[in-house]
Amino acid sequence: MTFKDLGLLPVFTDKCEQMGYTEPTPVQKQAIPVVLQGGDIFASAETGTGKTAAFLLPILQMLGNNKGKPGTRVLILSPTRELANQTEAACREFAPKGISCTAIIGGAGYKRQMDSLRRGANIIIATPGRLIDFMDQGLIDFKGLTHLVLDEADRMLDMGFLPSIKRISKVIPAKRQTLFFSATMSSEIEHIAYAMLNDPTYVEVSPRGKASGLIEQTAYPVAQQSKMPLLLDLLEREDFDRVLVFTRTKRGADRVAHVLEKREHKSNRIHGDRSQSQREAALRSFKAGHTNVLVATDVAARGIDIDSVSHVINYDIPEAPEDYVHRIGRTGRAGNKGTAITLFTLAEEHSMRAIERLTGERVERIVLPDFGGHHAPSSASTKKAGSPARKTFRSFGGRRGR
């Protein structure tokens, strides 16, 4: 099957070919025809499977058929600034002449965003907080809105964003096409989502909560005070390309990045307290290979689209099992194999098991006694390493030393 078979016009199929996209992904095959027919959709597919193009390409085609209509026609809501910026970049890449798009996000200058709104951008890609700021100033007119997209819908509908989503939904036309896309979706969030959708088509490309089969997953039980020594041991013994290290808190990200810099790792950090320019610079440096270790909070799990991330290390286990899927989904993309490693304490064993229940997979435990490793009482897949250095080297599959 080709993009042409899905009903896309040559202006879009030619662009796909120019960008090296010759065959649509499974989620694109199922979603694009439904969107072109004007139906609501609820799509669940693992990260790195082309969900952005699955909604963006058909929407752009539908807008192109009605270029004469001015004003904002499409609202795409994203949970993070990084994801919004990536979607805007994709929109500018694919949009035919005469269709304008803009990102409305926190941390960026008001004036440029205000000017783009006054010019009447056809597509707004926004984070909820900054969008509501402009709504309160009367700078956005949603009367002509025809499409609402919730990207990473599970995060957009959790308790942190839900009040904002409800407020926004009250001021946009009830008669619209609504599209939900996400990699994970709990039953509670699914219930909320269906209340906002009109007879949706459900697209589930992979079992919900399922991680890519290209990702090798391992977990290291470790004493809390030994997490940093173990992280350094892992990093210093592996011939990696690019590593994402996830922490639970912004302070934790700063602390880990500081230690890595002291150990002369080419590293940077990204989290909510960093300015937008700092976050963008950190991502550019990481993508270009100038930095090979990026320490991040979960803000980056939904905002990094880099195919060559070789390793994801969960320095802290995530609060929600669904976030684990998003974190490790930053590796094993575009057909490449990836490695995901989780460090967890004895008190976090229950969180590790919650992740396994969600994914339906047992993550191999590697016990390193010298780092305070412990045996899970009923873990059938726990292995004890005779030598921390040797087992660490084997678990990565890389060359010894640097």
Protein backbone atom coordinates (compact mmCIF):
# COMPACT_ATOMS: atom_id res chain seq x y z
CA MET A 1 0.00 0.00 0.00
CA THR A 2 1.17 3.54 -0.81
CA PHE A 3 0.14 6.96 0.44
CA LYS A 4 -1.72 7.42 -2.83
CA ASP A 5 -3.83 4.35 -2.04
CA LEU A 6 -4.98 6.07 1.16
CA GLY A 7 -6.60 8.88 -0.80
CA LEU A 8 -3.93 11.55 -0.45
CA LEU A 9 -3.36 13.96 -3.33
CA PRO A 10 -0.09 14.12 -5.30
CA VAL A 11 1.00 17.31 -3.51
CA PHE A 12 1.26 15.24 -0.32
CA THR A 13 2.36 11.90 -1.75
CA ASP A 14 5.17 13.60 -3.67
CA LYS A 15 6.29 15.33 -0.48
CA CYS A 16 6.30 12.01 1.38
CA GLU A 17 8.50 10.50 -1.30
CA GLN A 18 10.88 13.45 -1.19
CA MET A 19 11.24 12.93 2.56
CA GLY A 20 11.89 9.21 2.13
CA TYR A 21 8.48 8.00 3.32
CA THR A 22 7.56 5.40 0.72
CA GLU A 23 5.12 3.20 2.63
CA PRO A 24 2.59 4.32 5.26
CA THR A 25 2.88 2.90 8.77
CA PRO A 26 0.05 0.76 10.20
CA VAL A 27 -1.51 3.65 12.11
CA GLN A 28 -1.37 5.83 9.00
CA LYS A 29 -2.99 3.11 6.89
CA GLN A 30 -5.92 2.87 9.29
CA ALA A 31 -6.32 6.48 10.36
CA ILE A 32 -5.81 8.57 7.21
CA PRO A 33 -8.86 7.24 5.29
CA VAL A 34 -11.09 7.72 8.36
CA VAL A 35 -9.91 11.31 8.86
CA LEU A 36 -10.42 12.10 5.16
CA GLN A 37 -14.01 10.85 5.47
CA GLY A 38 -14.60 13.32 8.31
CA GLY A 39 -15.06 10.85 11.16
CA ASP A 40 -13.88 11.16 14.74
CA ILE A 41 -11.06 8.83 15.66
CA PHE A 42 -9.51 7.35 18.78
CA ALA A 43 -6.08 5.96 17.81
CA SER A 44 -3.68 4.06 20.00
CA ALA A 45 -0.25 3.21 18.62
CA GLU A 46 3.21 2.92 20.09
CA THR A 47 5.60 5.85 19.93
CA GLY A 48 7.64 6.37 16.78
CA THR A 49 4.96 4.99 14.43
CA GLY A 50 4.05 8.18 12.58
CA LYS A 51 0.99 9.36 14.49
CA THR A 52 1.66 13.03 13.65
CA ALA A 53 1.49 12.41 9.89
CA ALA A 54 -1.58 10.21 10.44
CA PHE A 55 -3.63 13.24 11.44
CA LEU A 56 -1.68 16.08 9.85
CA LEU A 57 -1.65 14.89 6.23
CA PRO A 58 -5.42 14.33 5.87
CA ILE A 59 -6.23 17.54 7.75
CA LEU A 60 -3.98 19.57 5.45
CA GLN A 61 -5.64 17.99 2.42
CA MET A 62 -9.10 18.86 3.77
CA LEU A 63 -8.02 22.45 4.42
CA GLY A 64 -6.53 22.67 0.95
CA ASN A 65 -9.91 21.85 -0.53
CA ASN A 66 -11.34 24.94 1.19
CA LYS A 67 -8.53 27.49 1.00
CA GLY A 68 -10.94 30.37 0.72
CA LYS A 69 -12.10 30.05 4.32
CA PRO A 70 -10.06 32.41 6.53
CA GLY A 71 -9.24 32.15 10.24
CA THR A 72 -8.36 29.32 12.54
CA ARG A 73 -9.71 26.01 11.30
CA VAL A 74 -7.61 23.50 13.25
CA LEU A 75 -6.52 23.34 16.90
CA ILE A 76 -3.90 20.77 17.88
CA LEU A 77 -3.27 20.50 21.62
CA SER A 78 0.04 19.10 22.89
CA PRO A 79 1.21 18.39 26.45
CA THR A 80 4.73 19.78 25.95
CA ARG A 81 6.39 22.68 24.17
CA GLU A 82 8.80 20.34 22.41
CA LEU A 83 6.02 18.24 20.93
CA ALA A 84 4.16 21.35 19.81
CA ASN A 85 7.28 22.67 18.09
CA GLN A 86 7.85 19.35 16.33
CA THR A 87 4.27 19.30 15.09
CA GLU A 88 4.58 22.86 13.84
CA ALA A 89 7.78 21.95 11.99
CA ALA A 90 6.02 19.00 10.35
CA CYS A 91 3.08 21.23 9.47
CA ARG A 92 5.31 23.77 7.76
CA GLU A 93 7.06 20.95 5.90
CA PHE A 94 3.86 19.45 4.51
CA ALA A 95 1.49 22.42 4.26
CA PRO A 96 0.77 23.60 0.70
CA LYS A 97 0.96 27.27 -0.16
CA GLY A 98 -1.86 29.27 1.35
CA ILE A 99 -2.17 27.30 4.61
CA SER A 100 -0.47 28.82 7.66
CA CYS A 101 0.34 27.27 11.03
CA THR A 102 1.81 28.54 14.28
CA ALA A 103 2.89 27.18 17.65
CA ILE A 104 1.45 28.84 20.76
CA ILE A 105 3.56 27.69 23.70
CA GLY A 106 4.82 28.91 27.04
CA GLY A 107 8.39 30.07 27.41
CA ALA A 108 8.41 31.81 24.03
CA GLY A 109 7.91 35.50 23.24
CA TYR A 110 4.35 36.83 23.27
CA LYS A 111 4.78 39.31 20.42
CA ARG A 112 5.62 36.84 17.67
CA GLN A 113 2.81 34.53 18.73
CA MET A 114 0.40 37.44 19.04
CA ASP A 115 1.28 38.65 15.55
CA SER A 116 0.72 35.20 14.06
CA LEU A 117 -2.70 35.00 15.73
CA ARG A 118 -3.68 38.42 14.41
CA ARG A 119 -2.71 37.32 10.91
CA GLY A 120 -5.20 34.48 11.31
CA ALA A 121 -3.17 31.26 11.37
CA ASN A 122 -5.20 28.39 9.90
CA ILE A 123 -3.65 25.80 12.22
CA ILE A 124 -2.80 26.47 15.85
CA ILE A 125 -0.57 23.96 17.67
CA ALA A 126 -0.67 24.86 21.34
CA THR A 127 0.03 23.92 24.91
CA PRO A 128 -3.09 24.59 27.01
CA GLY A 129 -1.68 27.21 29.39
CA ARG A 130 -0.46 29.70 26.80
CA LEU A 131 -3.54 29.11 24.64
CA ILE A 132 -5.83 30.08 27.52
CA ASP A 133 -3.73 33.22 28.11
CA PHE A 134 -4.49 34.37 24.58
CA MET A 135 -8.12 33.28 24.84
CA ASP A 136 -8.51 35.50 27.93
CA GLN A 137 -7.17 38.44 25.90
CA GLY A 138 -9.71 37.84 23.14
CA LEU A 139 -7.01 37.18 20.56
CA ILE A 140 -8.37 33.87 19.25
CA ASP A 141 -11.56 33.35 17.27
CA PHE A 142 -12.65 29.72 17.13
CA LYS A 143 -15.95 30.31 15.29
CA GLY A 144 -14.66 28.71 12.10
CA LEU A 145 -12.91 25.77 13.81
CA THR A 146 -13.51 22.44 12.07
CA HIS A 147 -10.90 20.13 13.62
CA LEU A 148 -9.69 19.45 17.17
CA VAL A 149 -6.70 17.15 17.73
CA LEU A 150 -5.44 15.94 21.08
CA ASP A 151 -1.90 14.69 20.60
CA GLU A 152 -0.71 12.38 23.39
CA ALA A 153 -4.32 12.31 24.51
CA ASP A 154 -3.67 10.31 27.66
CA ARG A 155 -1.51 13.09 29.10
CA MET A 156 -3.82 15.80 27.78
CA LEU A 157 -6.76 14.25 29.64
CA ASP A 158 -5.14 13.43 32.95
CA MET A 159 -6.05 15.44 36.03
CA GLY A 160 -3.36 18.03 35.39
CA PHE A 161 -4.69 19.12 32.00
CA LEU A 162 -8.32 18.10 32.17
CA PRO A 163 -9.67 21.40 33.60
CA SER A 164 -7.92 23.32 30.81
CA ILE A 165 -9.22 20.94 28.14
CA LYS A 166 -12.77 21.33 29.45
CA ARG A 167 -12.45 25.11 29.42
CA ILE A 168 -11.13 25.14 25.85
CA SER A 169 -13.80 22.71 24.63
CA LYS A 170 -16.53 25.07 25.85
CA VAL A 171 -15.50 27.84 23.45
CA ILE A 172 -14.97 25.80 20.29
CA PRO A 173 -17.80 24.65 17.99
CA ALA A 174 -19.57 21.47 19.07
CA LYS A 175 -19.85 20.48 15.42
CA ARG A 176 -16.29 19.55 14.57
CA GLN A 177 -14.06 16.60 13.78
CA THR A 178 -12.22 15.41 16.89
CA LEU A 179 -9.12 13.22 16.71
CA PHE A 180 -7.37 11.57 19.68
CA PHE A 181 -3.92 10.03 19.23
CA SER A 182 -1.78 8.42 21.90
CA ALA A 183 0.60 5.58 22.67
CA THR A 184 -1.15 4.64 25.92
CA MET A 185 -4.69 4.96 27.17
CA SER A 186 -6.06 3.86 30.54
CA SER A 187 -9.70 2.82 30.90
CA GLU A 188 -10.38 5.93 33.00
CA ILE A 189 -9.00 8.26 30.35
CA GLU A 190 -10.82 6.28 27.66
CA HIS A 191 -14.11 6.98 29.43
CA ILE A 192 -13.40 10.74 29.46
CA ALA A 193 -12.31 10.68 25.83
CA TYR A 194 -15.46 9.02 24.57
CA ALA A 195 -17.53 11.76 26.17
CA MET A 196 -15.78 14.22 23.81
CA LEU A 197 -15.99 12.10 20.66
CA ASN A 198 -18.91 11.53 18.29
CA ASP A 199 -19.27 7.88 17.23
CA PRO A 200 -15.50 7.46 16.87
CA THR A 201 -13.61 4.86 14.91
CA TYR A 202 -11.23 3.08 17.23
CA VAL A 203 -7.78 2.32 15.83
CA GLU A 204 -5.48 0.15 17.91
CA VAL A 205 -2.35 -0.72 15.99
CA SER A 206 -0.55 -2.35 18.91
CA PRO A 207 -1.82 -3.59 22.26
CA ARG A 208 -2.15 -0.57 24.53
CA GLY A 209 0.79 -0.07 26.79
CA LYS A 210 2.94 -2.36 24.65
CA ALA A 211 6.53 -1.31 24.07
CA SER A 212 8.27 -1.78 20.73
CA GLY A 213 9.65 -5.24 20.15
CA LEU A 214 12.89 -3.63 18.99
CA ILE A 215 13.70 -2.49 22.52
CA GLU A 216 15.72 -4.73 24.84
CA GLN A 217 14.51 -4.07 28.38
CA THR A 218 16.44 -4.78 31.58
CA ALA A 219 16.11 -3.60 35.17
CA TYR A 220 18.71 -3.25 37.90
CA PRO A 221 17.62 -3.49 41.55
CA VAL A 222 19.86 -1.04 43.39
CA ALA A 223 20.27 0.68 46.73
CA GLN A 224 19.21 4.34 46.59
CA GLN A 225 22.68 5.55 47.55
CA SER A 226 24.23 3.40 44.82
CA LYS A 227 22.16 4.73 41.91
CA MET A 228 24.71 7.30 40.82
CA PRO A 229 27.71 4.95 41.03
CA LEU A 230 25.77 2.36 39.01
CA LEU A 231 24.73 4.94 36.40
CA LEU A 232 28.34 6.04 35.99
CA ASP A 233 29.48 2.43 35.81
CA LEU A 234 26.97 1.70 33.06
CA LEU A 235 27.80 4.81 31.05
CA GLU A 236 31.54 4.43 31.33
CA ARG A 237 31.51 0.82 30.14
CA GLU A 238 29.29 1.26 27.10
CA ASP A 239 30.07 2.34 23.57
CA PHE A 240 26.78 4.20 23.14
CA ASP A 241 25.64 6.78 20.61
CA ARG A 242 23.02 8.86 22.41
CA VAL A 243 21.60 8.19 25.85
CA LEU A 244 18.52 9.67 27.46
CA VAL A 245 18.57 9.54 31.26
CA PHE A 246 15.20 10.13 32.91
CA THR A 247 14.74 11.49 36.41
CA ARG A 248 11.51 12.08 38.28
CA THR A 249 12.21 15.64 39.41
CA LYS A 250 13.78 18.79 37.99
CA ARG A 251 16.19 18.98 40.93
CA GLY A 252 17.18 15.38 40.30
CA ALA A 253 17.90 16.14 36.65
CA ASP A 254 20.14 19.05 37.65
CA ARG A 255 21.99 16.91 40.16
CA VAL A 256 22.59 14.02 37.77
CA ALA A 257 23.68 16.35 34.96
CA HIS A 258 26.10 18.12 37.32
CA VAL A 259 27.76 14.83 38.29
CA LEU A 260 27.99 13.72 34.66
CA GLU A 261 29.66 17.00 33.70
CA LYS A 262 32.17 16.52 36.53
CA ARG A 263 32.96 13.10 35.07
CA GLU A 264 33.51 14.72 31.66
CA HIS A 265 30.50 13.23 29.93
CA LYS A 266 29.18 15.42 27.13
CA SER A 267 25.81 16.01 28.73
CA ASN A 268 22.99 18.51 29.08
CA ARG A 269 19.59 18.60 30.74
CA ILE A 270 16.03 19.52 29.90
CA HIS A 271 13.15 20.14 32.27
CA GLY A 272 10.36 22.58 33.09
CA ASP A 273 12.52 25.13 34.93
CA ARG A 274 14.82 25.67 31.97
CA SER A 275 13.94 28.42 29.53
CA GLN A 276 12.53 27.50 26.16
CA SER A 277 15.72 28.64 24.44
CA GLN A 278 17.78 26.44 26.77
CA ARG A 279 15.55 23.45 26.10
CA GLU A 280 15.70 23.95 22.35
CA ALA A 281 19.47 24.36 22.44
CA ALA A 282 19.84 21.17 24.49
CA LEU A 283 17.74 19.23 21.98
CA ARG A 284 19.66 20.63 19.00
CA SER A 285 22.97 19.70 20.56
CA PHE A 286 21.73 16.20 21.39
CA LYS A 287 20.29 15.67 17.92
CA ALA A 288 23.50 16.89 16.26
CA GLY A 289 25.63 14.58 18.39
CA HIS A 290 27.51 17.35 20.18
CA THR A 291 25.95 16.02 23.39
CA ASN A 292 25.61 12.28 23.87
CA VAL A 293 23.85 12.18 27.24
CA LEU A 294 20.67 14.15 27.83
CA VAL A 295 19.15 14.15 31.32
CA ALA A 296 15.44 14.85 31.29
CA THR A 297 12.23 14.78 33.25
CA ASP A 298 9.09 13.40 31.63
CA VAL A 299 8.67 16.64 29.69
CA ALA A 300 11.03 15.06 27.16
CA ALA A 301 9.31 11.69 26.93
CA ARG A 302 6.58 13.35 24.87
CA GLY A 303 8.82 15.76 23.00
CA ILE A 304 11.88 14.07 21.57
CA ASP A 305 11.74 12.74 18.03
CA ILE A 306 15.28 11.54 17.36
CA ASP A 307 15.73 8.22 15.59
CA SER A 308 19.26 7.57 16.82
CA VAL A 309 18.73 7.41 20.61
CA SER A 310 20.55 4.16 21.40
CA HIS A 311 19.77 3.89 25.11
CA VAL A 312 17.14 5.06 27.56
CA ILE A 313 18.06 4.83 31.24
CA ASN A 314 15.37 5.33 33.87
CA TYR A 315 17.47 6.70 36.71
CA ASP A 316 14.20 7.13 38.60
CA ILE A 317 11.26 4.85 37.96
CA PRO A 318 8.31 6.87 36.59
CA GLU A 319 5.30 7.64 38.75
CA ALA A 320 2.81 6.29 36.19
CA PRO A 321 3.39 2.98 34.37
CA GLU A 322 2.19 4.61 31.12
CA ASP A 323 5.09 7.06 31.31
CA TYR A 324 7.50 4.12 31.17
CA VAL A 325 6.18 3.24 27.71
CA HIS A 326 6.66 6.82 26.53
CA ARG A 327 10.13 7.06 28.01
CA ILE A 328 11.54 3.90 26.48
CA GLY A 329 9.74 4.70 23.22
CA ARG A 330 12.42 7.33 22.60
CA THR A 331 14.69 4.45 21.50
CA GLY A 332 14.00 1.60 19.09
CA ARG A 333 12.56 3.99 16.51
CA ALA A 334 12.49 3.95 12.71
CA GLY A 335 13.35 0.25 12.59
CA ASN A 336 16.44 0.62 14.81
CA LYS A 337 17.09 -1.54 17.85
CA GLY A 338 17.25 0.12 21.24
CA THR A 339 18.12 -0.56 24.85
CA ALA A 340 16.07 0.46 27.89
CA ILE A 341 17.45 0.15 31.42
CA THR A 342 15.64 0.90 34.66
CA LEU A 343 17.22 1.43 38.06
CA PHE A 344 14.84 0.75 40.94
CA THR A 345 15.05 0.34 44.69
CA LEU A 346 13.45 -2.35 46.81
CA ALA A 347 10.68 0.10 47.76
CA GLU A 348 9.93 0.56 44.04
CA GLU A 349 9.47 -3.13 43.27
CA HIS A 350 5.70 -2.61 43.24
CA SER A 351 6.10 0.13 40.61
CA MET A 352 8.23 -2.17 38.48
CA ARG A 353 5.56 -4.83 38.62
CA ALA A 354 2.87 -2.31 37.70
CA ILE A 355 4.88 -1.55 34.57
CA GLU A 356 5.06 -5.23 33.73
CA ARG A 357 1.31 -5.63 34.19
CA LEU A 358 0.70 -2.74 31.80
CA THR A 359 3.10 -3.92 29.11
CA GLY A 360 2.37 -7.61 29.56
CA GLU A 361 6.10 -8.29 29.57
CA ARG A 362 8.47 -9.48 32.26
CA VAL A 363 11.54 -7.24 32.40
CA GLU A 364 14.72 -9.17 33.13
CA ARG A 365 16.26 -8.22 36.48
CA ILE A 366 20.06 -8.08 36.72
CA VAL A 367 21.30 -8.19 40.30
CA LEU A 368 24.62 -6.52 41.09
CA PRO A 369 25.34 -7.13 44.80
CA ASP A 370 28.16 -4.58 44.87
CA PHE A 371 25.56 -1.88 44.11
CA GLY A 372 23.09 -3.04 46.73
CA GLY A 373 21.16 -5.21 44.30
CA HIS A 374 18.40 -7.34 45.77
CA HIS A 375 16.41 -10.34 44.63
CA ALA A 376 12.70 -9.87 44.01
CA PRO A 377 11.03 -12.57 46.16
CA SER A 378 9.03 -14.13 43.31
CA SER A 379 10.90 -12.92 40.25
CA ALA A 380 11.31 -15.77 37.79
CA SER A 381 13.51 -13.70 35.51
CA THR A 382 16.08 -12.38 37.96
CA LYS A 383 19.73 -13.09 37.24
CA LYS A 384 22.65 -12.57 39.54
CA ALA A 385 25.82 -11.21 38.03
CA GLY A 386 29.02 -12.75 39.29
CA SER A 387 31.01 -9.64 38.44
CA PRO A 388 29.39 -6.19 38.26
CA ALA A 389 31.78 -5.00 35.59
CA ARG A 390 31.45 -8.10 33.42
CA LYS A 391 27.67 -8.27 33.71
CA THR A 392 27.25 -4.58 33.06
CA PHE A 393 29.35 -4.91 29.91
CA ARG A 394 27.35 -7.90 28.70
CA SER A 395 23.98 -6.33 29.39
CA PHE A 396 24.77 -3.44 27.07
CA GLY A 397 26.33 -5.59 24.39
CA GLY A 398 29.02 -3.01 23.76
CA ARG A 399 32.82 -2.93 23.83
CA ARG A 400 34.63 -2.82 27.10
CA GLY A 401 36.01 0.51 28.21
CA ARG A 402 36.42 3.72 26.27
